[in-house]
Amino acid sequence: MKQHSEYVAPCPPCDCTKPSQNIWTETPPARPNNNLPVRLEQESKHTTHFQVPNIVHYIWYNDKPSPFKFHHMLSVLSAHKFINPTEILFHTDNEPVGTYWDRVKKLPKFKVVKRAPPKTLFGEAVRPPKFYTSHSNVDRLKVLSEYGGIYLDLDVLVTKPFDELRRYVCTVGQEQETKACGSIIVCSNTSFFLYMWMNAYLDDYRIDEWAYNTGKVPFNLARRYPHLVNMEPTRLNRPNFNELDKIWGPNTFNWQDNYAVHIWYRLWKDRSPHYKGVEPDEENVKTLNNTFGQMARTILYGSPQFIASDQRTP
C-alpha cells in the first residue's frame, strides 16, 4: 500500500464543502423580527446528509524537531480507526521525530502539509501568541475555513464515529458551565459561526487569558446565536480538567458513549495526584487499570480488557 508521508501543498476545499450561495453578498428575504439570512437560521439543525467533509486535521507548530509521544500516536490511530477519514492532514512547520511519528506516517491516509503559523486573518495582522505552539489556536479555525473537516488536538482520543456530528454545519463541545473547548471542532468551511469565531482573534484576542478565545468566545457566540452551531454538552469535552480522576484515576465512566475524550495530558502531569512519574507506552497500557488504559487497549488491540504482557503490540 502506498505511503503518503511527503509534504503536500494545501488544496482547495473538496466539492462537498462548496457553499451553494455566497453568504457574504446575498440579500436574503426578511423574516419577522430577525434579519439573519434564512439559510443561517438552519445551521444548527441536524440534516440527513453530511455537511462536513470527512477530513481530520492536526496542527503541530514547534521551533525545533520535538518527539512525537505515545499519546500523540494514539490520537491519530484512534481517528484512523473510528472516524475512517478520507484523509488525515498533519499541518506543521517542523515535523516531529521518533518511532511513534514513524509509525503514524505509515498510515495510508496520512499526509503531512507544510504550513507556517498564521500572521494574518482576512488580510489583517493577528497578534502573535505568548507561546509558539499556541499559533494553532488561530490556525485551527483558518484550516477549517480552507478545507472544512474535523480538527482534533493531539491529546484527544476518538471513541466512536463522528457521522452524526458531520450532519451539522458546525459542532463544538461544552467543557464547563460557561465555557466551550476548541480541542475538537467539526465544521464546514461555509459555517457563519466559524467566521465569527475567527473574527474575535482580530477584535478581542486575549493572549494573557487562558482559554478565553478557544473556550469563552465560542461559548458566548453559541449562547447568543444557538441557530448557528450545535453545542454538544457532554460527549466531546467531558470529563473536563476538573474531572481527571475519571480518566486517569480509579473512577471510570462510560467512555464508549462519548464521541471522543480529551485526556488533558499536560494537566494530568502537572496537577493530578494520579501522575506517578511514569508516562504510558505500548507496554504498560496493557495492564493499566483506568479509563485511559481501557481506551488505549481498544485503539491498539480492539478490546478494553487487560492484555497479557507477552502479547505483541500490533
C-alpha atoms as a PDB file:
ATOM      1  CA  MET A   1       0.000   0.000   0.000  1.00  0.00           C
ATOM      2  CA  LYS A   2       1.387   3.390  -0.933  1.00  0.00           C
ATOM      3  CA  GLN A   3       2.579   5.556   1.918  1.00  0.00           C
ATOM      4  CA  HIS A   4       1.876   9.281   1.999  1.00  0.00           C
ATOM      5  CA  SER A   5       4.459  10.925   4.188  1.00  0.00           C
ATOM      6  CA  GLU A   6       5.648  13.605   1.827  1.00  0.00           C
ATOM      7  CA  TYR A   7       4.811  17.256   2.201  1.00  0.00           C
ATOM      8  CA  VAL A   8       1.825  18.310   0.148  1.00  0.00           C
ATOM      9  CA  ALA A   9       0.601  21.782  -0.579  1.00  0.00           C
ATOM     10  CA  PRO A  10      -2.803  22.798   0.788  1.00  0.00           C
ATOM     11  CA  CYS A  11      -5.530  22.125  -1.722  1.00  0.00           C
ATOM     12  CA  PRO A  12      -8.826  23.873  -2.353  1.00  0.00           C
ATOM     13  CA  PRO A  13     -11.812  22.519  -0.424  1.00  0.00           C
ATOM     14  CA  CYS A  14     -13.457  19.460  -1.909  1.00  0.00           C
ATOM     15  CA  ASP A  15     -16.758  19.771  -3.742  1.00  0.00           C
ATOM     16  CA  CYS A  16     -18.796  18.738  -0.709  1.00  0.00           C
ATOM     17  CA  THR A  17     -17.673  21.893   1.129  1.00  0.00           C
ATOM     18  CA  LYS A  18     -18.506  24.447  -1.544  1.00  0.00           C
ATOM     19  CA  PRO A  19     -21.305  26.791  -0.479  1.00  0.00           C
ATOM     20  CA  SER A  20     -24.454  26.789  -2.527  1.00  0.00           C
ATOM     21  CA  GLN A  21     -24.539  30.556  -2.290  1.00  0.00           C
ATOM     22  CA  ASN A  22     -22.314  33.395  -1.141  1.00  0.00           C
ATOM     23  CA  ILE A  23     -23.240  34.079   2.480  1.00  0.00           C
ATOM     24  CA  TRP A  24     -21.409  37.383   2.457  1.00  0.00           C
ATOM     25  CA  THR A  25     -23.091  39.015  -0.543  1.00  0.00           C
ATOM     26  CA  GLU A  26     -26.564  37.506  -0.821  1.00  0.00           C
ATOM     27  CA  THR A  27     -29.604  39.607   0.058  1.00  0.00           C
ATOM     28  CA  PRO A  28     -31.998  37.202   1.761  1.00  0.00           C
ATOM     29  CA  PRO A  29     -35.707  37.686   2.241  1.00  0.00           C
ATOM     30  CA  ALA A  30     -36.532  39.379   5.536  1.00  0.00           C
ATOM     31  CA  ARG A  31     -38.217  37.492   8.338  1.00  0.00           C
ATOM     32  CA  PRO A  32     -40.254  38.963  11.190  1.00  0.00           C
ATOM     33  CA  ASN A  33     -38.020  40.304  13.992  1.00  0.00           C
ATOM     34  CA  ASN A  34     -34.988  38.631  12.507  1.00  0.00           C
ATOM     35  CA  ASN A  35     -32.590  39.997   9.897  1.00  0.00           C
ATOM     36  CA  LEU A  36     -30.472  36.868   9.638  1.00  0.00           C
ATOM     37  CA  PRO A  37     -30.443  35.035   6.298  1.00  0.00           C
ATOM     38  CA  VAL A  38     -32.865  32.159   6.129  1.00  0.00           C
ATOM     39  CA  ARG A  39     -30.023  29.752   5.396  1.00  0.00           C
ATOM     40  CA  LEU A  40     -28.139  30.799   8.506  1.00  0.00           C
ATOM     41  CA  GLU A  41     -31.160  30.173  10.694  1.00  0.00           C
ATOM     42  CA  GLN A  42     -30.905  26.489   9.842  1.00  0.00           C
ATOM     43  CA  GLU A  43     -27.206  25.958  10.505  1.00  0.00           C
ATOM     44  CA  SER A  44     -27.622  24.282  13.903  1.00  0.00           C
ATOM     45  CA  LYS A  45     -30.161  21.775  12.589  1.00  0.00           C
ATOM     46  CA  HIS A  46     -29.397  18.119  12.021  1.00  0.00           C
ATOM     47  CA  THR A  47     -29.774  17.017   8.399  1.00  0.00           C
ATOM     48  CA  THR A  48     -29.939  13.665   6.640  1.00  0.00           C
ATOM     49  CA  HIS A  49     -26.819  14.390   4.596  1.00  0.00           C
ATOM     50  CA  PHE A  50     -23.243  15.159   5.569  1.00  0.00           C
ATOM     51  CA  GLN A  51     -22.387  18.854   5.679  1.00  0.00           C
ATOM     52  CA  VAL A  52     -18.797  18.450   6.887  1.00  0.00           C
ATOM     53  CA  PRO A  53     -16.163  16.600   4.828  1.00  0.00           C
ATOM     54  CA  ASN A  54     -14.618  13.538   6.456  1.00  0.00           C
ATOM     55  CA  ILE A  55     -11.129  15.045   6.729  1.00  0.00           C
ATOM     56  CA  VAL A  56      -9.230  15.026  10.025  1.00  0.00           C
ATOM     57  CA  HIS A  57      -6.803  17.853  10.784  1.00  0.00           C
ATOM     58  CA  TYR A  58      -3.961  18.043  13.286  1.00  0.00           C
ATOM     59  CA  ILE A  59      -1.678  21.052  13.771  1.00  0.00           C
ATOM     60  CA  TRP A  60       1.877  20.857  15.135  1.00  0.00           C
ATOM     61  CA  TYR A  61       3.923  24.044  15.422  1.00  0.00           C
ATOM     62  CA  ASN A  62       7.369  23.840  17.011  1.00  0.00           C
ATOM     63  CA  ASP A  63      10.517  25.894  16.669  1.00  0.00           C
ATOM     64  CA  LYS A  64      12.596  22.689  16.588  1.00  0.00           C
ATOM     65  CA  PRO A  65      12.031  18.973  15.962  1.00  0.00           C
ATOM     66  CA  SER A  66      10.322  17.501  19.040  1.00  0.00           C
ATOM     67  CA  PRO A  67       9.412  13.922  19.991  1.00  0.00           C
ATOM     68  CA  PHE A  68       6.047  12.554  18.932  1.00  0.00           C
ATOM     69  CA  LYS A  69       4.836  10.784  22.055  1.00  0.00           C
ATOM     70  CA  PHE A  70       2.787   7.670  22.632  1.00  0.00           C
ATOM     71  CA  HIS A  71      -0.451   9.573  23.356  1.00  0.00           C
ATOM     72  CA  HIS A  72       0.031  11.610  20.166  1.00  0.00           C
ATOM     73  CA  MET A  73       0.218   8.380  18.181  1.00  0.00           C
ATOM     74  CA  LEU A  74      -2.873   7.041  19.982  1.00  0.00           C
ATOM     75  CA  SER A  75      -4.842  10.120  18.953  1.00  0.00           C
ATOM     76  CA  VAL A  76      -4.002   9.646  15.281  1.00  0.00           C
ATOM     77  CA  LEU A  77      -4.637   5.902  15.415  1.00  0.00           C
ATOM     78  CA  SER A  78      -7.997   6.481  17.125  1.00  0.00           C
ATOM     79  CA  ALA A  79      -9.105   8.931  14.419  1.00  0.00           C
ATOM     80  CA  HIS A  80      -7.994   6.488  11.741  1.00  0.00           C
ATOM     81  CA  LYS A  81      -9.836   3.606  13.443  1.00  0.00           C
ATOM     82  CA  PHE A  82     -13.162   5.184  14.392  1.00  0.00           C
ATOM     83  CA  ILE A  83     -13.672   8.129  12.014  1.00  0.00           C
ATOM     84  CA  ASN A  84     -12.210   6.312   8.990  1.00  0.00           C
ATOM     85  CA  PRO A  85     -11.471   9.647   7.291  1.00  0.00           C
ATOM     86  CA  THR A  86     -10.741  10.192   3.637  1.00  0.00           C
ATOM     87  CA  GLU A  87      -7.541  11.961   4.747  1.00  0.00           C
ATOM     88  CA  ILE A  88      -5.629  12.802   7.896  1.00  0.00           C
ATOM     89  CA  LEU A  89      -3.822  16.084   7.256  1.00  0.00           C
ATOM     90  CA  PHE A  90      -0.978  16.909   9.631  1.00  0.00           C
ATOM     91  CA  HIS A  91      -0.214  20.628   9.291  1.00  0.00           C
ATOM     92  CA  THR A  92       3.268  21.548  10.508  1.00  0.00           C
ATOM     93  CA  ASP A  93       6.284  23.784  10.033  1.00  0.00           C
ATOM     94  CA  ASN A  94       8.652  21.351  11.741  1.00  0.00           C
ATOM     95  CA  GLU A  95       7.972  17.627  11.643  1.00  0.00           C
ATOM     96  CA  PRO A  96       8.157  15.727  14.923  1.00  0.00           C
ATOM     97  CA  VAL A  97      10.593  12.866  15.381  1.00  0.00           C
ATOM     98  CA  GLY A  98      10.692   9.404  16.910  1.00  0.00           C
ATOM     99  CA  THR A  99       9.373   5.890  16.434  1.00  0.00           C
ATOM    100  CA  TYR A 100       5.759   6.871  17.131  1.00  0.00           C
ATOM    101  CA  TRP A 101       5.967   9.506  14.402  1.00  0.00           C
ATOM    102  CA  ASP A 102       7.446   6.965  12.008  1.00  0.00           C
ATOM    103  CA  ARG A 103       4.521   4.687  12.743  1.00  0.00           C
ATOM    104  CA  VAL A 104       1.732   7.176  12.013  1.00  0.00           C
ATOM    105  CA  LYS A 105       3.425   8.261   8.777  1.00  0.00           C
ATOM    106  CA  LYS A 106       2.850   4.734   7.513  1.00  0.00           C
ATOM    107  CA  LEU A 107      -0.932   5.110   7.685  1.00  0.00           C
ATOM    108  CA  PRO A 108      -2.277   5.070   4.107  1.00  0.00           C
ATOM    109  CA  LYS A 109      -4.447   8.185   4.517  1.00  0.00           C
ATOM    110  CA  PHE A 110      -1.892  10.237   6.442  1.00  0.00           C
ATOM    111  CA  LYS A 111      -0.377  13.299   4.752  1.00  0.00           C
ATOM    112  CA  VAL A 112       1.972  15.974   6.006  1.00  0.00           C
ATOM    113  CA  VAL A 113       1.050  19.507   4.944  1.00  0.00           C
ATOM    114  CA  LYS A 114       3.826  22.054   5.201  1.00  0.00           C
ATOM    115  CA  ARG A 115       2.397  25.205   6.718  1.00  0.00           C
ATOM    116  CA  ALA A 116       3.632  28.309   8.537  1.00  0.00           C
ATOM    117  CA  PRO A 117       1.953  29.848  11.590  1.00  0.00           C
ATOM    118  CA  PRO A 118      -0.658  32.426  10.567  1.00  0.00           C
ATOM    119  CA  LYS A 119       0.265  36.092  10.632  1.00  0.00           C
ATOM    120  CA  THR A 120      -2.956  37.489   9.174  1.00  0.00           C
ATOM    121  CA  LEU A 121      -6.707  36.888   9.159  1.00  0.00           C
ATOM    122  CA  PHE A 122      -8.913  38.425   6.490  1.00  0.00           C
ATOM    123  CA  GLY A 123      -5.890  40.448   5.348  1.00  0.00           C
ATOM    124  CA  GLU A 124      -5.281  41.980   8.798  1.00  0.00           C
ATOM    125  CA  ALA A 125      -2.331  41.257  11.071  1.00  0.00           C
ATOM    126  CA  VAL A 126      -3.066  38.967  14.006  1.00  0.00           C
ATOM    127  CA  ARG A 127      -1.171  39.319  17.281  1.00  0.00           C
ATOM    128  CA  PRO A 128       1.460  36.654  17.965  1.00  0.00           C
ATOM    129  CA  PRO A 129       0.685  34.428  20.970  1.00  0.00           C
ATOM    130  CA  LYS A 130       2.860  34.083  24.056  1.00  0.00           C
ATOM    131  CA  PHE A 131       3.937  30.561  23.163  1.00  0.00           C
ATOM    132  CA  TYR A 132       4.964  29.412  19.707  1.00  0.00           C
ATOM    133  CA  THR A 133       2.817  26.270  19.903  1.00  0.00           C
ATOM    134  CA  SER A 134      -0.266  28.434  20.588  1.00  0.00           C
ATOM    135  CA  HIS A 135      -0.301  29.551  16.950  1.00  0.00           C
ATOM    136  CA  SER A 136      -2.535  26.510  16.449  1.00  0.00           C
ATOM    137  CA  ASN A 137      -5.355  28.267  18.348  1.00  0.00           C
ATOM    138  CA  VAL A 138      -5.821  30.657  15.445  1.00  0.00           C
ATOM    139  CA  ASP A 139      -4.811  28.279  12.697  1.00  0.00           C
ATOM    140  CA  ARG A 140      -7.274  25.504  13.570  1.00  0.00           C
ATOM    141  CA  LEU A 141     -10.059  27.899  12.557  1.00  0.00           C
ATOM    142  CA  LYS A 142      -8.181  29.087   9.499  1.00  0.00           C
ATOM    143  CA  VAL A 143      -7.541  25.499   8.375  1.00  0.00           C
ATOM    144  CA  LEU A 144     -11.230  24.661   8.757  1.00  0.00           C
ATOM    145  CA  SER A 145     -12.183  27.780   6.774  1.00  0.00           C
ATOM    146  CA  GLU A 146      -9.989  26.468   3.931  1.00  0.00           C
ATOM    147  CA  TYR A 147     -10.855  22.763   3.957  1.00  0.00           C
ATOM    148  CA  GLY A 148     -13.695  22.093   6.350  1.00  0.00           C
ATOM    149  CA  GLY A 149     -13.488  18.895   8.368  1.00  0.00           C
ATOM    150  CA  ILE A 150     -12.665  17.700  11.870  1.00  0.00           C
ATOM    151  CA  TYR A 151      -9.974  19.400  13.929  1.00  0.00           C
ATOM    152  CA  LEU A 152      -8.506  17.407  16.839  1.00  0.00           C
ATOM    153  CA  ASP A 153      -5.956  18.270  19.492  1.00  0.00           C
ATOM    154  CA  LEU A 154      -3.243  15.657  19.827  1.00  0.00           C
ATOM    155  CA  ASP A 155      -4.407  14.689  23.316  1.00  0.00           C
ATOM    156  CA  VAL A 156      -7.884  13.772  22.102  1.00  0.00           C
ATOM    157  CA  LEU A 157      -8.798  10.105  21.713  1.00  0.00           C
ATOM    158  CA  VAL A 158     -11.677   9.317  19.356  1.00  0.00           C
ATOM    159  CA  THR A 159     -14.012   6.633  20.705  1.00  0.00           C
ATOM    160  CA  LYS A 160     -16.687   6.279  18.022  1.00  0.00           C
ATOM    161  CA  PRO A 161     -17.596   7.573  14.526  1.00  0.00           C
ATOM    162  CA  PHE A 162     -18.376  11.269  14.023  1.00  0.00           C
ATOM    163  CA  ASP A 163     -21.022  10.692  11.336  1.00  0.00           C
ATOM    164  CA  GLU A 164     -23.867  12.224  13.364  1.00  0.00           C
ATOM    165  CA  LEU A 165     -21.806  15.342  14.100  1.00  0.00           C
ATOM    166  CA  ARG A 166     -20.982  15.774  10.417  1.00  0.00           C
ATOM    167  CA  ARG A 167     -24.682  16.274   9.697  1.00  0.00           C
ATOM    168  CA  TYR A 168     -24.492  19.721  11.357  1.00  0.00           C
ATOM    169  CA  VAL A 169     -22.753  22.677   9.728  1.00  0.00           C
ATOM    170  CA  CYS A 170     -20.661  23.188  12.861  1.00  0.00           C
ATOM    171  CA  THR A 171     -20.264  21.413  16.208  1.00  0.00           C
ATOM    172  CA  VAL A 172     -18.202  22.294  19.267  1.00  0.00           C
ATOM    173  CA  GLY A 173     -18.187  20.710  22.706  1.00  0.00           C
ATOM    174  CA  GLN A 174     -19.088  22.281  26.022  1.00  0.00           C
ATOM    175  CA  GLU A 175     -16.389  21.898  28.683  1.00  0.00           C
ATOM    176  CA  GLN A 176     -17.775  23.809  31.664  1.00  0.00           C
ATOM    177  CA  GLU A 177     -20.987  25.612  32.562  1.00  0.00           C
ATOM    178  CA  THR A 178     -19.902  28.808  30.788  1.00  0.00           C
ATOM    179  CA  LYS A 179     -17.115  27.605  28.506  1.00  0.00           C
ATOM    180  CA  ALA A 180     -16.682  25.518  25.370  1.00  0.00           C
ATOM    181  CA  CYS A 181     -13.384  23.977  24.252  1.00  0.00           C
ATOM    182  CA  GLY A 182     -11.581  24.217  20.921  1.00  0.00           C
ATOM    183  CA  SER A 183      -9.886  20.831  21.264  1.00  0.00           C
ATOM    184  CA  ILE A 184     -12.473  19.253  18.920  1.00  0.00           C
ATOM    185  CA  ILE A 185     -14.197  21.222  16.151  1.00  0.00           C
ATOM    186  CA  VAL A 186     -16.369  19.656  13.455  1.00  0.00           C
ATOM    187  CA  CYS A 187     -17.162  22.335  10.904  1.00  0.00           C
ATOM    188  CA  SER A 188     -17.946  23.095   7.286  1.00  0.00           C
ATOM    189  CA  ASN A 189     -15.904  25.832   5.665  1.00  0.00           C
ATOM    190  CA  THR A 190     -19.181  27.663   4.936  1.00  0.00           C
ATOM    191  CA  SER A 191     -20.141  27.982   8.619  1.00  0.00           C
ATOM    192  CA  PHE A 192     -21.020  31.537   9.634  1.00  0.00           C
ATOM    193  CA  PHE A 193     -20.253  30.630  13.259  1.00  0.00           C
ATOM    194  CA  LEU A 194     -16.694  29.694  12.275  1.00  0.00           C
ATOM    195  CA  TYR A 195     -16.057  33.102  10.717  1.00  0.00           C
ATOM    196  CA  MET A 196     -17.474  34.981  13.703  1.00  0.00           C
ATOM    197  CA  TRP A 197     -15.171  32.962  15.965  1.00  0.00           C
ATOM    198  CA  MET A 198     -12.182  33.744  13.736  1.00  0.00           C
ATOM    199  CA  ASN A 199     -13.038  37.443  13.770  1.00  0.00           C
ATOM    200  CA  ALA A 200     -12.618  37.533  17.562  1.00  0.00           C
ATOM    201  CA  TYR A 201      -8.912  36.849  17.091  1.00  0.00           C
ATOM    202  CA  LEU A 202      -8.710  40.286  15.478  1.00  0.00           C
ATOM    203  CA  ASP A 203     -11.104  42.260  17.685  1.00  0.00           C
ATOM    204  CA  ASP A 204     -10.798  40.508  21.047  1.00  0.00           C
ATOM    205  CA  TYR A 205      -7.661  38.334  21.211  1.00  0.00           C
ATOM    206  CA  ARG A 206      -6.682  37.965  24.878  1.00  0.00           C
ATOM    207  CA  ILE A 207      -3.327  36.247  24.752  1.00  0.00           C
ATOM    208  CA  ASP A 208      -2.885  36.572  28.535  1.00  0.00           C
ATOM    209  CA  GLU A 209      -6.158  34.853  29.432  1.00  0.00           C
ATOM    210  CA  TRP A 210      -6.034  31.078  29.209  1.00  0.00           C
ATOM    211  CA  ALA A 211      -8.754  29.502  27.049  1.00  0.00           C
ATOM    212  CA  TYR A 212     -10.565  32.806  26.502  1.00  0.00           C
ATOM    213  CA  ASN A 213     -10.561  32.714  22.697  1.00  0.00           C
ATOM    214  CA  THR A 214     -10.710  28.922  22.453  1.00  0.00           C
ATOM    215  CA  GLY A 215     -13.358  28.491  25.166  1.00  0.00           C
ATOM    216  CA  LYS A 216     -15.193  31.585  26.324  1.00  0.00           C
ATOM    217  CA  VAL A 217     -15.621  33.188  22.896  1.00  0.00           C
ATOM    218  CA  PRO A 218     -17.224  30.161  21.177  1.00  0.00           C
ATOM    219  CA  PHE A 219     -19.458  29.561  24.205  1.00  0.00           C
ATOM    220  CA  ASN A 220     -20.730  33.146  24.187  1.00  0.00           C
ATOM    221  CA  LEU A 221     -21.296  33.034  20.431  1.00  0.00           C
ATOM    222  CA  ALA A 222     -23.219  29.774  20.783  1.00  0.00           C
ATOM    223  CA  ARG A 223     -25.300  31.244  23.602  1.00  0.00           C
ATOM    224  CA  ARG A 224     -26.221  34.296  21.544  1.00  0.00           C
ATOM    225  CA  TYR A 225     -26.618  32.523  18.207  1.00  0.00           C
ATOM    226  CA  PRO A 226     -27.701  28.938  19.007  1.00  0.00           C
ATOM    227  CA  HIS A 227     -29.112  28.573  15.493  1.00  0.00           C
ATOM    228  CA  LEU A 228     -25.580  28.745  14.065  1.00  0.00           C
ATOM    229  CA  VAL A 229     -23.910  25.867  15.917  1.00  0.00           C
ATOM    230  CA  ASN A 230     -24.559  22.517  17.522  1.00  0.00           C
ATOM    231  CA  MET A 231     -23.211  22.644  21.085  1.00  0.00           C
ATOM    232  CA  GLU A 232     -22.579  19.076  22.258  1.00  0.00           C
ATOM    233  CA  PRO A 233     -22.923  19.219  26.076  1.00  0.00           C
ATOM    234  CA  THR A 234     -21.161  16.086  27.352  1.00  0.00           C
ATOM    235  CA  ARG A 235     -19.812  13.719  24.703  1.00  0.00           C
ATOM    236  CA  LEU A 236     -16.838  15.715  23.398  1.00  0.00           C
ATOM    237  CA  ASN A 237     -15.217  17.570  26.304  1.00  0.00           C
ATOM    238  CA  ARG A 238     -16.418  15.799  29.407  1.00  0.00           C
ATOM    239  CA  PRO A 239     -14.762  14.736  31.628  1.00  0.00           C
ATOM    240  CA  ASN A 240     -13.042  18.119  31.817  1.00  0.00           C
ATOM    241  CA  PHE A 241      -9.780  19.059  33.528  1.00  0.00           C
ATOM    242  CA  ASN A 242     -11.530  19.158  36.901  1.00  0.00           C
ATOM    243  CA  GLU A 243     -12.541  15.524  36.440  1.00  0.00           C
ATOM    244  CA  LEU A 244      -9.171  13.947  35.691  1.00  0.00           C
ATOM    245  CA  ASP A 245      -9.870  11.121  38.126  1.00  0.00           C
ATOM    246  CA  LYS A 246     -12.425   9.771  35.647  1.00  0.00           C
ATOM    247  CA  ILE A 247      -9.694   9.444  33.012  1.00  0.00           C
ATOM    248  CA  TRP A 248      -6.505   8.764  34.951  1.00  0.00           C
ATOM    249  CA  GLY A 249      -7.806   7.589  38.330  1.00  0.00           C
ATOM    250  CA  PRO A 250      -9.940   4.676  39.543  1.00  0.00           C
ATOM    251  CA  ASN A 251     -13.278   6.385  38.827  1.00  0.00           C
ATOM    252  CA  THR A 252     -14.038   5.188  35.313  1.00  0.00           C
ATOM    253  CA  PHE A 253     -17.093   6.263  33.307  1.00  0.00           C
ATOM    254  CA  ASN A 254     -18.996   5.098  30.237  1.00  0.00           C
ATOM    255  CA  TRP A 255     -16.488   6.475  27.739  1.00  0.00           C
ATOM    256  CA  GLN A 256     -17.951   4.340  24.924  1.00  0.00           C
ATOM    257  CA  ASP A 257     -20.901   6.764  24.854  1.00  0.00           C
ATOM    258  CA  ASN A 258     -18.582   9.676  24.054  1.00  0.00           C
ATOM    259  CA  TYR A 259     -17.567  10.641  20.547  1.00  0.00           C
ATOM    260  CA  ALA A 260     -14.122  11.423  21.944  1.00  0.00           C
ATOM    261  CA  VAL A 261     -12.293  12.036  25.214  1.00  0.00           C
ATOM    262  CA  HIS A 262      -9.928  14.934  25.797  1.00  0.00           C
ATOM    263  CA  ILE A 263      -7.349  13.344  28.108  1.00  0.00           C
ATOM    264  CA  TRP A 264      -5.732  16.633  29.265  1.00  0.00           C
ATOM    265  CA  TYR A 265      -2.268  15.083  29.112  1.00  0.00           C
ATOM    266  CA  ARG A 266      -0.229  18.121  30.185  1.00  0.00           C
ATOM    267  CA  LEU A 267      -2.563  18.994  33.060  1.00  0.00           C
ATOM    268  CA  TRP A 268      -2.553  15.355  34.178  1.00  0.00           C
ATOM    269  CA  LYS A 269       1.234  15.530  34.510  1.00  0.00           C
ATOM    270  CA  ASP A 270       1.234  18.990  36.088  1.00  0.00           C
ATOM    271  CA  ARG A 271      -1.549  18.768  38.655  1.00  0.00           C
ATOM    272  CA  SER A 272      -3.036  15.290  39.011  1.00  0.00           C
ATOM    273  CA  PRO A 273      -2.205  13.086  42.027  1.00  0.00           C
ATOM    274  CA  HIS A 274      -2.649  10.135  39.656  1.00  0.00           C
ATOM    275  CA  TYR A 275       0.569  11.010  37.808  1.00  0.00           C
ATOM    276  CA  LYS A 276       3.343   8.949  39.424  1.00  0.00           C
ATOM    277  CA  GLY A 277       6.222   9.956  37.163  1.00  0.00           C
ATOM    278  CA  VAL A 278       5.662   7.195  34.593  1.00  0.00           C
ATOM    279  CA  GLU A 279       4.211   8.057  31.186  1.00  0.00           C
ATOM    280  CA  PRO A 280       2.134   5.492  29.296  1.00  0.00           C
ATOM    281  CA  ASP A 281       3.585   3.410  26.491  1.00  0.00           C
ATOM    282  CA  GLU A 282       2.556   0.410  24.428  1.00  0.00           C
ATOM    283  CA  GLU A 283       3.674  -1.992  27.153  1.00  0.00           C
ATOM    284  CA  ASN A 284       2.368  -0.559  30.420  1.00  0.00           C
ATOM    285  CA  VAL A 285      -1.095   0.232  28.982  1.00  0.00           C
ATOM    286  CA  LYS A 286      -1.687  -3.499  28.625  1.00  0.00           C
ATOM    287  CA  THR A 287      -2.483  -3.669  32.340  1.00  0.00           C
ATOM    288  CA  LEU A 288      -3.222  -0.012  33.154  1.00  0.00           C
ATOM    289  CA  ASN A 289      -6.326  -0.036  35.358  1.00  0.00           C
ATOM    290  CA  ASN A 290      -8.105   3.203  34.439  1.00  0.00           C
ATOM    291  CA  THR A 291     -10.164   4.750  31.639  1.00  0.00           C
ATOM    292  CA  PHE A 292      -7.096   5.781  29.664  1.00  0.00           C
ATOM    293  CA  GLY A 293      -5.840   2.193  29.762  1.00  0.00           C
ATOM    294  CA  GLN A 294      -9.182   0.878  28.521  1.00  0.00           C
ATOM    295  CA  MET A 295      -9.256   3.354  25.636  1.00  0.00           C
ATOM    296  CA  ALA A 296      -5.619   2.709  24.716  1.00  0.00           C
ATOM    297  CA  ARG A 297      -6.178  -1.060  24.612  1.00  0.00           C
ATOM    298  CA  THR A 298      -9.311  -0.608  22.496  1.00  0.00           C
ATOM    299  CA  ILE A 299      -7.387   1.507  19.993  1.00  0.00           C
ATOM    300  CA  LEU A 300      -4.371  -0.823  19.855  1.00  0.00           C
ATOM    301  CA  TYR A 301      -5.959  -4.250  20.390  1.00  0.00           C
ATOM    302  CA  GLY A 302      -9.682  -3.834  19.713  1.00  0.00           C
ATOM    303  CA  SER A 303     -10.741  -4.602  23.299  1.00  0.00           C
ATOM    304  CA  PRO A 304     -10.624  -2.715  26.632  1.00  0.00           C
ATOM    305  CA  GLN A 305      -9.734  -5.913  28.505  1.00  0.00           C
ATOM    306  CA  PHE A 306      -6.317  -6.414  30.087  1.00  0.00           C
ATOM    307  CA  ILE A 307      -3.683  -7.762  27.714  1.00  0.00           C
ATOM    308  CA  ALA A 308      -1.116 -10.407  28.588  1.00  0.00           C
ATOM    309  CA  SER A 309       2.271  -8.740  28.923  1.00  0.00           C
ATOM    310  CA  ASP A 310       3.853 -11.144  26.416  1.00  0.00           C
ATOM    311  CA  GLN A 311       1.302 -10.314  23.675  1.00  0.00           C
ATOM    312  CA  ARG A 312       2.904  -8.452  20.828  1.00  0.00           C
ATOM    313  CA  THR A 313       1.778  -4.867  20.202  1.00  0.00           C
ATOM    314  CA  PRO A 314       0.306  -4.604  16.682  1.00  0.00           C
END
